[in-house]
């Protein structure tokens, strides 16, 4: 998902956050007015992320 320009001032946006699963951009920030976009959720990636469980190690 690509964000070309800011809705407030028209300046190019930078990637502010990427998806933890597929590494695609999901949140952007304006270089000029520092406007942040809403997070663009990938439904398939979100399901994978929610079902991920880190291994549990026994403490000795």
C-alpha atoms as a PDB file:
ATOM      1  CA  UNK A   1       0.000   0.000   0.000  1.00  0.00           C
ATOM      2  CA  UNK A   2       1.592   3.205  -1.117  1.00  0.00           C
ATOM      3  CA  UNK A   3       0.873   6.719   0.134  1.00  0.00           C
ATOM      4  CA  UNK A   4       2.072   9.284  -2.404  1.00  0.00           C
ATOM      5  CA  UNK A   5       1.299  12.638  -0.780  1.00  0.00           C
ATOM      6  CA  UNK A   6      -0.077  14.191   2.404  1.00  0.00           C
ATOM      7  CA  UNK A   7      -3.809  14.939   2.420  1.00  0.00           C
ATOM      8  CA  UNK A   8      -3.203  18.152   4.390  1.00  0.00           C
ATOM      9  CA  UNK A   9      -0.292  19.817   2.570  1.00  0.00           C
ATOM     10  CA  UNK A  10       0.467  17.661  -0.496  1.00  0.00           C
ATOM     11  CA  UNK A  11       4.089  16.863   0.427  1.00  0.00           C
ATOM     12  CA  UNK A  12       5.546  13.360  -0.024  1.00  0.00           C
ATOM     13  CA  UNK A  13       5.024  10.958   2.887  1.00  0.00           C
ATOM     14  CA  UNK A  14       7.647   8.775   4.606  1.00  0.00           C
ATOM     15  CA  UNK A  15       7.037   5.255   5.901  1.00  0.00           C
ATOM     16  CA  UNK A  16       6.567   5.435   9.672  1.00  0.00           C
ATOM     17  CA  UNK A  17       5.692   1.793  10.441  1.00  0.00           C
ATOM     18  CA  UNK A  18       5.831  -1.526   8.587  1.00  0.00           C
ATOM     19  CA  UNK A  19       3.821  -4.722   8.972  1.00  0.00           C
ATOM     20  CA  UNK A  20       5.498  -7.147  11.384  1.00  0.00           C
ATOM     21  CA  UNK A  21       4.611 -10.085   9.111  1.00  0.00           C
ATOM     22  CA  UNK A  22       5.085  -8.957   5.479  1.00  0.00           C
ATOM     23  CA  UNK A  23       7.165  -5.782   6.062  1.00  0.00           C
ATOM     24  CA  UNK A  24       4.896  -3.697   3.786  1.00  0.00           C
ATOM     25  CA  UNK A  25       4.285  -0.067   4.868  1.00  0.00           C
ATOM     26  CA  UNK A  26       1.192   0.335   7.045  1.00  0.00           C
ATOM     27  CA  UNK A  27       1.625   3.825   8.533  1.00  0.00           C
ATOM     28  CA  UNK A  28       3.015   7.024   7.007  1.00  0.00           C
ATOM     29  CA  UNK A  29       4.225  10.439   8.238  1.00  0.00           C
ATOM     30  CA  UNK A  30       4.340  13.731   6.336  1.00  0.00           C
ATOM     31  CA  UNK A  31       7.821  15.259   5.965  1.00  0.00           C
ATOM     32  CA  UNK A  32       6.494  18.823   6.257  1.00  0.00           C
ATOM     33  CA  UNK A  33       3.479  19.007   8.602  1.00  0.00           C
ATOM     34  CA  UNK A  34       4.174  15.744  10.519  1.00  0.00           C
ATOM     35  CA  UNK A  35       0.659  14.391   9.837  1.00  0.00           C
ATOM     36  CA  UNK A  36       0.358  10.657  10.615  1.00  0.00           C
ATOM     37  CA  UNK A  37      -1.958   8.388   8.617  1.00  0.00           C
ATOM     38  CA  UNK A  38      -4.139   5.761  10.240  1.00  0.00           C
ATOM     39  CA  UNK A  39      -2.678   2.263  10.349  1.00  0.00           C
ATOM     40  CA  UNK A  40      -3.560   0.266   7.239  1.00  0.00           C
ATOM     41  CA  UNK A  41      -4.316  -3.224   8.546  1.00  0.00           C
ATOM     42  CA  UNK A  42      -3.615  -6.317   6.429  1.00  0.00           C
ATOM     43  CA  UNK A  43      -6.302  -8.752   7.585  1.00  0.00           C
ATOM     44  CA  UNK A  44      -4.327 -11.877   6.610  1.00  0.00           C
ATOM     45  CA  UNK A  45      -1.150 -10.621   8.273  1.00  0.00           C
ATOM     46  CA  UNK A  46      -3.057  -9.587  11.399  1.00  0.00           C
ATOM     47  CA  UNK A  47      -4.426 -13.127  11.784  1.00  0.00           C
ATOM     48  CA  UNK A  48      -0.937 -14.600  11.440  1.00  0.00           C
ATOM     49  CA  UNK A  49       0.431 -12.087  13.957  1.00  0.00           C
ATOM     50  CA  UNK A  50      -2.363 -12.798  16.479  1.00  0.00           C
ATOM     51  CA  UNK A  51      -1.805 -16.573  16.280  1.00  0.00           C
ATOM     52  CA  UNK A  52       1.963 -16.312  16.690  1.00  0.00           C
ATOM     53  CA  UNK A  53       3.178 -17.535  20.063  1.00  0.00           C
ATOM     54  CA  UNK A  54       6.735 -17.130  21.215  1.00  0.00           C
ATOM     55  CA  UNK A  55       8.362 -20.296  22.557  1.00  0.00           C
ATOM     56  CA  UNK A  56       8.162 -20.677  26.302  1.00  0.00           C
ATOM     57  CA  UNK A  57      11.343 -21.708  28.065  1.00  0.00           C
ATOM     58  CA  UNK A  58      11.431 -23.242  31.519  1.00  0.00           C
ATOM     59  CA  UNK A  59      13.376 -21.203  34.024  1.00  0.00           C
ATOM     60  CA  UNK A  60      15.986 -23.315  35.815  1.00  0.00           C
END
